[in-house]
N, C-alpha and C. Protein backbone atom coordinates (compact mmCIF):
# COMPACT_ATOMS: atom_id res chain seq x y z
N UNK A 1 94.84 -46.29 -51.57
CA UNK A 1 93.90 -45.19 -51.57
C UNK A 1 93.35 -45.06 -50.15
N UNK A 2 93.49 -43.87 -49.57
CA UNK A 2 93.03 -43.66 -48.21
C UNK A 2 91.53 -43.45 -48.17
N UNK A 3 91.00 -43.51 -46.94
CA UNK A 3 89.58 -43.24 -46.79
C UNK A 3 89.38 -42.45 -45.50
N UNK A 4 88.74 -41.29 -45.64
CA UNK A 4 88.38 -40.54 -44.44
C UNK A 4 86.92 -40.84 -44.12
N UNK A 5 86.54 -40.56 -42.90
CA UNK A 5 85.19 -40.88 -42.45
C UNK A 5 84.54 -39.64 -41.87
N UNK A 6 83.26 -39.48 -42.15
CA UNK A 6 82.48 -38.38 -41.58
C UNK A 6 81.06 -38.90 -41.37
N UNK A 7 80.32 -38.20 -40.55
CA UNK A 7 78.93 -38.59 -40.36
C UNK A 7 78.07 -37.91 -41.43
N UNK A 8 76.88 -38.43 -41.63
CA UNK A 8 75.95 -37.84 -42.58
C UNK A 8 75.60 -36.41 -42.15
N UNK A 9 75.49 -36.20 -40.85
CA UNK A 9 75.22 -34.86 -40.31
C UNK A 9 76.36 -33.91 -40.67
N UNK A 10 77.62 -34.39 -40.53
CA UNK A 10 78.78 -33.56 -40.92
C UNK A 10 78.68 -33.16 -42.39
N UNK A 11 78.31 -34.11 -43.24
CA UNK A 11 78.20 -33.84 -44.67
C UNK A 11 77.15 -32.76 -44.94
N UNK A 12 76.03 -32.83 -44.25
CA UNK A 12 74.96 -31.84 -44.45
C UNK A 12 75.35 -30.47 -43.92
N UNK A 13 76.05 -30.45 -42.78
CA UNK A 13 76.39 -29.17 -42.13
C UNK A 13 77.63 -28.53 -42.74
N UNK A 14 78.63 -29.34 -43.11
CA UNK A 14 79.90 -28.80 -43.61
C UNK A 14 80.34 -29.58 -44.86
N UNK A 15 79.56 -29.51 -45.93
CA UNK A 15 79.87 -30.33 -47.11
C UNK A 15 81.26 -30.05 -47.71
N UNK A 16 81.65 -28.77 -47.77
CA UNK A 16 82.96 -28.43 -48.35
C UNK A 16 84.09 -29.06 -47.56
N UNK A 17 83.97 -28.98 -46.25
CA UNK A 17 85.02 -29.52 -45.36
C UNK A 17 85.11 -31.04 -45.50
N UNK A 18 83.96 -31.71 -45.55
CA UNK A 18 83.95 -33.16 -45.67
C UNK A 18 84.49 -33.59 -47.02
N UNK A 19 84.05 -32.91 -48.10
CA UNK A 19 84.46 -33.30 -49.45
C UNK A 19 85.87 -32.85 -49.80
N UNK A 20 86.48 -32.00 -48.96
CA UNK A 20 87.87 -31.57 -49.19
C UNK A 20 88.81 -32.77 -49.15
N UNK A 21 88.39 -33.86 -48.52
CA UNK A 21 89.24 -35.04 -48.39
C UNK A 21 89.16 -35.97 -49.61
N UNK A 22 88.33 -35.65 -50.59
CA UNK A 22 88.09 -36.57 -51.70
C UNK A 22 89.36 -36.81 -52.54
N UNK A 23 90.26 -35.81 -52.59
CA UNK A 23 91.49 -35.99 -53.37
C UNK A 23 92.46 -36.95 -52.70
N UNK A 24 92.28 -37.20 -51.41
CA UNK A 24 93.12 -38.16 -50.70
C UNK A 24 92.59 -39.58 -50.89
N UNK A 25 91.37 -39.70 -51.36
CA UNK A 25 90.77 -41.02 -51.54
C UNK A 25 89.28 -40.95 -51.31
N UNK A 26 88.73 -42.06 -50.92
CA UNK A 26 87.29 -42.13 -50.72
C UNK A 26 86.89 -41.48 -49.40
N UNK A 27 85.65 -41.06 -49.33
CA UNK A 27 85.10 -40.52 -48.09
C UNK A 27 83.91 -41.40 -47.69
N UNK A 28 84.00 -42.00 -46.52
CA UNK A 28 82.91 -42.84 -46.01
C UNK A 28 82.00 -41.98 -45.15
N UNK A 29 80.72 -42.03 -45.45
CA UNK A 29 79.72 -41.28 -44.70
C UNK A 29 78.93 -42.28 -43.86
N UNK A 30 79.07 -42.17 -42.55
CA UNK A 30 78.35 -43.10 -41.67
C UNK A 30 76.95 -42.55 -41.39
N UNK A 31 75.98 -43.48 -41.34
CA UNK A 31 74.59 -43.10 -41.06
C UNK A 31 74.06 -44.00 -39.96
N UNK A 32 73.36 -43.40 -39.02
CA UNK A 32 72.78 -44.19 -37.93
C UNK A 32 71.65 -45.08 -38.43
N UNK A 33 70.92 -44.61 -39.43
CA UNK A 33 69.69 -45.30 -39.83
C UNK A 33 69.85 -46.13 -41.11
N UNK A 34 71.09 -46.39 -41.54
CA UNK A 34 71.25 -47.16 -42.77
C UNK A 34 72.71 -47.49 -43.03
N UNK A 35 72.93 -48.17 -44.14
CA UNK A 35 74.30 -48.51 -44.52
C UNK A 35 75.11 -47.25 -44.76
N UNK A 36 76.42 -47.37 -44.55
CA UNK A 36 77.32 -46.25 -44.84
C UNK A 36 77.29 -45.95 -46.34
N UNK A 37 77.56 -44.71 -46.68
CA UNK A 37 77.71 -44.29 -48.07
C UNK A 37 79.19 -44.06 -48.33
N UNK A 38 79.62 -44.24 -49.56
CA UNK A 38 81.00 -43.95 -49.92
C UNK A 38 80.99 -43.00 -51.11
N UNK A 39 81.71 -41.90 -50.97
CA UNK A 39 81.84 -40.94 -52.06
C UNK A 39 83.25 -41.08 -52.62
N UNK A 40 83.35 -41.22 -53.94
CA UNK A 40 84.65 -41.30 -54.56
C UNK A 40 84.63 -40.58 -55.90
N UNK A 41 85.81 -40.23 -56.38
CA UNK A 41 85.92 -39.54 -57.67
C UNK A 41 85.55 -40.50 -58.80
N UNK A 42 85.02 -39.94 -59.88
CA UNK A 42 84.67 -40.75 -61.05
C UNK A 42 85.85 -41.52 -61.58
N UNK A 43 87.05 -40.90 -61.59
CA UNK A 43 88.25 -41.58 -62.07
C UNK A 43 88.53 -42.84 -61.25
N UNK A 44 88.38 -42.72 -59.94
CA UNK A 44 88.64 -43.88 -59.07
C UNK A 44 87.64 -45.01 -59.33
N UNK A 45 86.39 -44.64 -59.59
CA UNK A 45 85.38 -45.65 -59.92
C UNK A 45 85.72 -46.32 -61.26
N UNK A 46 86.14 -45.51 -62.24
CA UNK A 46 86.54 -46.06 -63.55
C UNK A 46 87.69 -47.05 -63.40
N UNK A 47 88.70 -46.66 -62.61
CA UNK A 47 89.85 -47.54 -62.39
C UNK A 47 89.41 -48.85 -61.73
N UNK A 48 88.54 -48.74 -60.74
CA UNK A 48 88.05 -49.92 -60.04
C UNK A 48 87.28 -50.83 -61.00
N UNK A 49 86.34 -50.26 -61.76
CA UNK A 49 85.54 -51.07 -62.68
C UNK A 49 86.40 -51.69 -63.79
N UNK A 50 87.27 -50.87 -64.40
CA UNK A 50 88.13 -51.39 -65.47
C UNK A 50 89.14 -52.40 -64.95
N UNK A 51 89.65 -52.15 -63.74
CA UNK A 51 90.62 -53.06 -63.14
C UNK A 51 90.01 -54.41 -62.81
N UNK A 52 88.81 -54.39 -62.26
CA UNK A 52 88.12 -55.65 -61.94
C UNK A 52 87.81 -56.40 -63.23
N UNK A 53 87.35 -55.68 -64.26
CA UNK A 53 87.02 -56.32 -65.54
C UNK A 53 88.26 -56.95 -66.17
N UNK A 54 89.37 -56.21 -66.22
CA UNK A 54 90.60 -56.74 -66.81
C UNK A 54 91.12 -57.93 -66.00
N UNK A 55 91.11 -57.79 -64.68
CA UNK A 55 91.58 -58.88 -63.81
C UNK A 55 90.76 -60.14 -64.01
N UNK A 56 89.45 -59.99 -64.09
CA UNK A 56 88.57 -61.15 -64.29
C UNK A 56 88.88 -61.84 -65.61
N UNK A 57 89.02 -61.04 -66.68
CA UNK A 57 89.33 -61.62 -68.00
C UNK A 57 90.68 -62.36 -67.95
N UNK A 58 91.67 -61.74 -67.32
CA UNK A 58 93.00 -62.35 -67.24
C UNK A 58 92.96 -63.65 -66.44
N UNK A 59 92.30 -63.62 -65.28
CA UNK A 59 92.28 -64.81 -64.42
C UNK A 59 91.56 -65.97 -65.13
N UNK A 60 90.45 -65.67 -65.81
CA UNK A 60 89.75 -66.73 -66.55
C UNK A 60 90.63 -67.28 -67.67
N UNK A 61 91.30 -66.39 -68.40
CA UNK A 61 92.15 -66.83 -69.52
C UNK A 61 93.35 -67.63 -69.02
N UNK A 62 93.92 -67.23 -67.90
CA UNK A 62 95.05 -67.97 -67.32
C UNK A 62 94.58 -69.36 -66.90
N UNK A 63 93.39 -69.44 -66.34
CA UNK A 63 92.82 -70.74 -65.97
C UNK A 63 92.60 -71.62 -67.19
N UNK A 64 92.03 -71.04 -68.25
CA UNK A 64 91.80 -71.81 -69.48
C UNK A 64 93.10 -72.32 -70.08
N UNK A 65 94.18 -71.55 -69.87
CA UNK A 65 95.48 -71.91 -70.43
C UNK A 65 96.38 -72.60 -69.40
N UNK A 66 95.75 -73.20 -68.40
CA UNK A 66 96.45 -74.00 -67.38
C UNK A 66 97.64 -73.27 -66.75
N UNK A 67 97.45 -72.01 -66.47
CA UNK A 67 98.48 -71.23 -65.78
C UNK A 67 99.50 -70.57 -66.67
N UNK A 68 99.41 -70.76 -67.98
CA UNK A 68 100.36 -70.15 -68.92
C UNK A 68 99.91 -68.73 -69.24
N UNK A 69 100.55 -67.75 -68.58
CA UNK A 69 100.12 -66.35 -68.70
C UNK A 69 100.35 -65.83 -70.12
N UNK A 70 101.49 -66.18 -70.72
CA UNK A 70 101.77 -65.71 -72.08
C UNK A 70 100.70 -66.23 -73.06
N UNK A 71 100.32 -67.49 -72.92
CA UNK A 71 99.28 -68.06 -73.79
C UNK A 71 97.94 -67.36 -73.54
N UNK A 72 97.65 -67.05 -72.29
CA UNK A 72 96.41 -66.35 -71.95
C UNK A 72 96.38 -64.97 -72.61
N UNK A 73 97.49 -64.25 -72.54
CA UNK A 73 97.56 -62.91 -73.14
C UNK A 73 97.41 -63.00 -74.66
N UNK A 74 98.02 -64.00 -75.26
CA UNK A 74 97.92 -64.19 -76.71
C UNK A 74 96.48 -64.50 -77.11
N UNK A 75 95.78 -65.30 -76.27
CA UNK A 75 94.36 -65.60 -76.52
C UNK A 75 93.51 -64.34 -76.45
N UNK A 76 93.76 -63.51 -75.46
CA UNK A 76 92.90 -62.34 -75.20
C UNK A 76 93.16 -61.18 -76.16
N UNK A 77 94.41 -60.97 -76.50
CA UNK A 77 94.79 -59.76 -77.22
C UNK A 77 95.55 -60.10 -78.49
N UNK A 78 94.91 -59.92 -79.65
CA UNK A 78 95.52 -60.25 -80.93
C UNK A 78 96.80 -59.44 -81.16
N UNK A 79 96.86 -58.23 -80.60
CA UNK A 79 98.01 -57.38 -80.83
C UNK A 79 99.30 -57.91 -80.20
N UNK A 80 99.21 -58.93 -79.35
CA UNK A 80 100.44 -59.50 -78.78
C UNK A 80 101.29 -60.17 -79.85
N UNK A 81 100.71 -60.43 -81.04
CA UNK A 81 101.48 -61.00 -82.14
C UNK A 81 102.62 -60.08 -82.58
N UNK A 82 102.54 -58.81 -82.21
CA UNK A 82 103.60 -57.86 -82.57
C UNK A 82 104.88 -58.07 -81.76
N UNK A 83 104.79 -58.81 -80.66
CA UNK A 83 105.94 -58.95 -79.76
C UNK A 83 106.81 -60.14 -80.14
N UNK A 84 108.11 -60.01 -79.89
CA UNK A 84 109.00 -61.16 -80.00
C UNK A 84 108.69 -62.10 -78.84
N UNK A 85 109.11 -63.37 -78.91
CA UNK A 85 108.90 -64.28 -77.77
C UNK A 85 109.48 -63.72 -76.47
N UNK A 86 110.62 -63.06 -76.56
CA UNK A 86 111.23 -62.47 -75.36
C UNK A 86 110.39 -61.36 -74.78
N UNK A 87 109.87 -60.49 -75.65
CA UNK A 87 109.01 -59.40 -75.19
C UNK A 87 107.72 -59.95 -74.57
N UNK A 88 107.17 -60.99 -75.19
CA UNK A 88 105.95 -61.60 -74.67
C UNK A 88 106.19 -62.17 -73.27
N UNK A 89 107.36 -62.79 -73.05
CA UNK A 89 107.69 -63.33 -71.72
C UNK A 89 107.77 -62.21 -70.69
N UNK A 90 108.41 -61.08 -71.06
CA UNK A 90 108.55 -59.95 -70.14
C UNK A 90 107.17 -59.36 -69.83
N UNK A 91 106.34 -59.20 -70.86
CA UNK A 91 104.97 -58.70 -70.70
C UNK A 91 104.18 -59.62 -69.76
N UNK A 92 104.25 -60.91 -70.01
CA UNK A 92 103.51 -61.88 -69.20
C UNK A 92 103.97 -61.84 -67.74
N UNK A 93 105.27 -61.76 -67.52
CA UNK A 93 105.80 -61.73 -66.14
C UNK A 93 105.33 -60.47 -65.41
N UNK A 94 105.37 -59.34 -66.11
CA UNK A 94 104.96 -58.08 -65.48
C UNK A 94 103.47 -58.10 -65.16
N UNK A 95 102.66 -58.52 -66.13
CA UNK A 95 101.21 -58.53 -65.93
C UNK A 95 100.83 -59.51 -64.82
N UNK A 96 101.47 -60.67 -64.80
CA UNK A 96 101.15 -61.67 -63.76
C UNK A 96 101.42 -61.10 -62.37
N UNK A 97 102.57 -60.48 -62.20
CA UNK A 97 102.92 -59.90 -60.90
C UNK A 97 101.93 -58.81 -60.50
N UNK A 98 101.62 -57.91 -61.44
CA UNK A 98 100.70 -56.81 -61.14
C UNK A 98 99.28 -57.31 -60.91
N UNK A 99 98.88 -58.35 -61.63
CA UNK A 99 97.54 -58.91 -61.49
C UNK A 99 97.31 -59.42 -60.08
N UNK A 100 98.23 -60.22 -59.57
CA UNK A 100 98.04 -60.78 -58.24
C UNK A 100 98.18 -59.73 -57.15
N UNK A 101 99.08 -58.76 -57.35
CA UNK A 101 99.20 -57.66 -56.38
C UNK A 101 97.91 -56.84 -56.36
N UNK A 102 97.37 -56.53 -57.55
CA UNK A 102 96.14 -55.74 -57.64
C UNK A 102 94.98 -56.47 -56.99
N UNK A 103 94.89 -57.78 -57.23
CA UNK A 103 93.80 -58.56 -56.67
C UNK A 103 93.86 -58.58 -55.14
N UNK A 104 95.07 -58.69 -54.61
CA UNK A 104 95.21 -58.73 -53.15
C UNK A 104 94.97 -57.36 -52.52
N UNK A 105 95.47 -56.30 -53.19
CA UNK A 105 95.38 -54.96 -52.61
C UNK A 105 94.10 -54.23 -52.99
N UNK A 106 93.43 -54.67 -54.05
CA UNK A 106 92.22 -53.99 -54.49
C UNK A 106 92.48 -52.67 -55.18
N UNK A 107 93.72 -52.45 -55.62
CA UNK A 107 94.06 -51.23 -56.37
C UNK A 107 94.59 -51.65 -57.74
N UNK A 108 94.04 -51.07 -58.77
CA UNK A 108 94.29 -51.56 -60.13
C UNK A 108 95.03 -50.57 -61.01
N UNK A 109 95.41 -49.42 -60.47
CA UNK A 109 96.05 -48.35 -61.26
C UNK A 109 97.29 -48.86 -62.00
N UNK A 110 98.20 -49.54 -61.30
CA UNK A 110 99.45 -49.99 -61.92
C UNK A 110 99.20 -51.07 -62.97
N UNK A 111 98.28 -51.98 -62.70
CA UNK A 111 97.95 -53.03 -63.67
C UNK A 111 97.40 -52.41 -64.96
N UNK A 112 96.46 -51.49 -64.82
CA UNK A 112 95.86 -50.85 -65.99
C UNK A 112 96.89 -50.04 -66.77
N UNK A 113 97.77 -49.34 -66.05
CA UNK A 113 98.80 -48.52 -66.73
C UNK A 113 99.76 -49.42 -67.50
N UNK A 114 100.20 -50.50 -66.89
CA UNK A 114 101.13 -51.42 -67.57
C UNK A 114 100.46 -52.02 -68.81
N UNK A 115 99.22 -52.43 -68.67
CA UNK A 115 98.48 -53.02 -69.80
C UNK A 115 98.39 -52.00 -70.94
N UNK A 116 98.08 -50.76 -70.61
CA UNK A 116 97.94 -49.72 -71.63
C UNK A 116 99.30 -49.47 -72.32
N UNK A 117 100.38 -49.46 -71.53
CA UNK A 117 101.71 -49.22 -72.11
C UNK A 117 102.11 -50.35 -73.07
N UNK A 118 101.83 -51.59 -72.70
CA UNK A 118 102.14 -52.71 -73.59
C UNK A 118 101.31 -52.62 -74.87
N UNK A 119 100.03 -52.26 -74.73
CA UNK A 119 99.16 -52.15 -75.90
C UNK A 119 99.65 -51.03 -76.82
N UNK A 120 100.04 -49.90 -76.24
CA UNK A 120 100.56 -48.79 -77.04
C UNK A 120 101.84 -49.18 -77.76
N UNK A 121 102.68 -49.97 -77.10
CA UNK A 121 103.91 -50.45 -77.73
C UNK A 121 103.58 -51.33 -78.93
N UNK A 122 102.61 -52.24 -78.76
CA UNK A 122 102.21 -53.11 -79.87
C UNK A 122 101.67 -52.28 -81.04
N UNK A 123 100.88 -51.25 -80.74
CA UNK A 123 100.34 -50.40 -81.81
C UNK A 123 101.48 -49.67 -82.53
N UNK A 124 102.46 -49.20 -81.77
CA UNK A 124 103.61 -48.53 -82.38
C UNK A 124 104.36 -49.51 -83.30
N UNK A 125 104.55 -50.74 -82.83
CA UNK A 125 105.19 -51.76 -83.67
C UNK A 125 104.39 -51.99 -84.94
N UNK A 126 103.06 -52.05 -84.81
CA UNK A 126 102.20 -52.31 -85.96
C UNK A 126 102.31 -51.18 -86.99
N UNK A 127 102.63 -49.98 -86.53
CA UNK A 127 102.80 -48.84 -87.44
C UNK A 127 104.21 -48.76 -88.00
N UNK A 128 105.04 -49.76 -87.68
CA UNK A 128 106.39 -49.80 -88.24
C UNK A 128 107.49 -49.29 -87.34
N UNK A 129 107.14 -48.82 -86.17
CA UNK A 129 108.17 -48.35 -85.25
C UNK A 129 108.72 -49.56 -84.49
N UNK A 130 110.03 -49.65 -84.42
CA UNK A 130 110.67 -50.76 -83.72
C UNK A 130 111.75 -50.21 -82.81
N UNK A 131 112.04 -50.93 -81.73
CA UNK A 131 113.15 -50.46 -80.88
C UNK A 131 114.46 -50.56 -81.66
N UNK A 132 115.35 -49.61 -81.43
CA UNK A 132 116.66 -49.65 -82.08
C UNK A 132 117.67 -50.19 -81.09
N UNK A 133 118.67 -50.85 -81.63
CA UNK A 133 119.74 -51.34 -80.75
C UNK A 133 120.50 -50.14 -80.21
N UNK A 134 120.87 -50.16 -78.95
CA UNK A 134 121.64 -49.03 -78.42
C UNK A 134 122.99 -48.94 -79.13
N UNK A 135 123.43 -47.71 -79.35
CA UNK A 135 124.72 -47.50 -80.02
C UNK A 135 125.82 -47.72 -78.99
N UNK A 136 126.79 -48.55 -79.35
CA UNK A 136 127.93 -48.80 -78.46
C UNK A 136 128.97 -47.71 -78.68
N UNK A 137 129.20 -46.93 -77.66
CA UNK A 137 130.22 -45.89 -77.77
C UNK A 137 131.51 -46.42 -77.17
N UNK A 138 132.65 -46.04 -77.75
CA UNK A 138 133.93 -46.49 -77.18
C UNK A 138 134.12 -45.91 -75.78
N UNK A 139 134.82 -46.67 -74.95
CA UNK A 139 135.02 -46.26 -73.56
C UNK A 139 135.86 -45.00 -73.46
N UNK A 140 136.84 -44.86 -74.33
CA UNK A 140 137.72 -43.69 -74.28
C UNK A 140 137.92 -43.14 -75.67
N UNK A 141 138.70 -42.06 -75.77
CA UNK A 141 138.94 -41.47 -77.08
C UNK A 141 139.75 -42.43 -77.95
N UNK A 142 139.47 -42.40 -79.23
CA UNK A 142 140.19 -43.25 -80.18
C UNK A 142 140.84 -42.33 -81.20
N UNK A 143 142.15 -42.56 -81.42
CA UNK A 143 142.87 -41.74 -82.40
C UNK A 143 142.60 -42.31 -83.78
N UNK A 144 142.18 -41.44 -84.69
CA UNK A 144 141.97 -41.87 -86.07
C UNK A 144 142.82 -41.04 -87.00
N UNK A 145 143.20 -41.64 -88.12
CA UNK A 145 143.97 -40.90 -89.12
C UNK A 145 143.05 -39.90 -89.79
N UNK A 146 143.66 -38.77 -90.19
CA UNK A 146 142.86 -37.78 -90.91
C UNK A 146 142.43 -38.39 -92.25
N UNK A 147 141.20 -38.07 -92.67
CA UNK A 147 140.76 -38.62 -93.96
C UNK A 147 141.51 -37.99 -95.13
């Protein structure tokens, strides 16, 4: 997420011009007489707050489970019972990678999206929807006798 910078005077004199940059990311407003202000979209604040909250819960649970991410996820989210052991391993590997990347980069969009997709999958499984095995099609035409 980018950040543009403007002075407080710029914001007062040309608010539309300064705030035009908000879709690119945050806007830092520098002030001579105080701390800088940061203006950001509500969605970005929600992502930041939810991402920090989810990351904190995950890191604590991983610690409690001595580094076992799958066990941590099972502790935190009852809906993980819908997954096969293989699916749980894939979920754990993806979340672990995204968790540490998000923590280092301070951006949580991908972590939150992946978490939501896994949760939606579990809910779909709970409603009876299951993945189907892909249909194996023959490589070439096969001659069959007329019925």
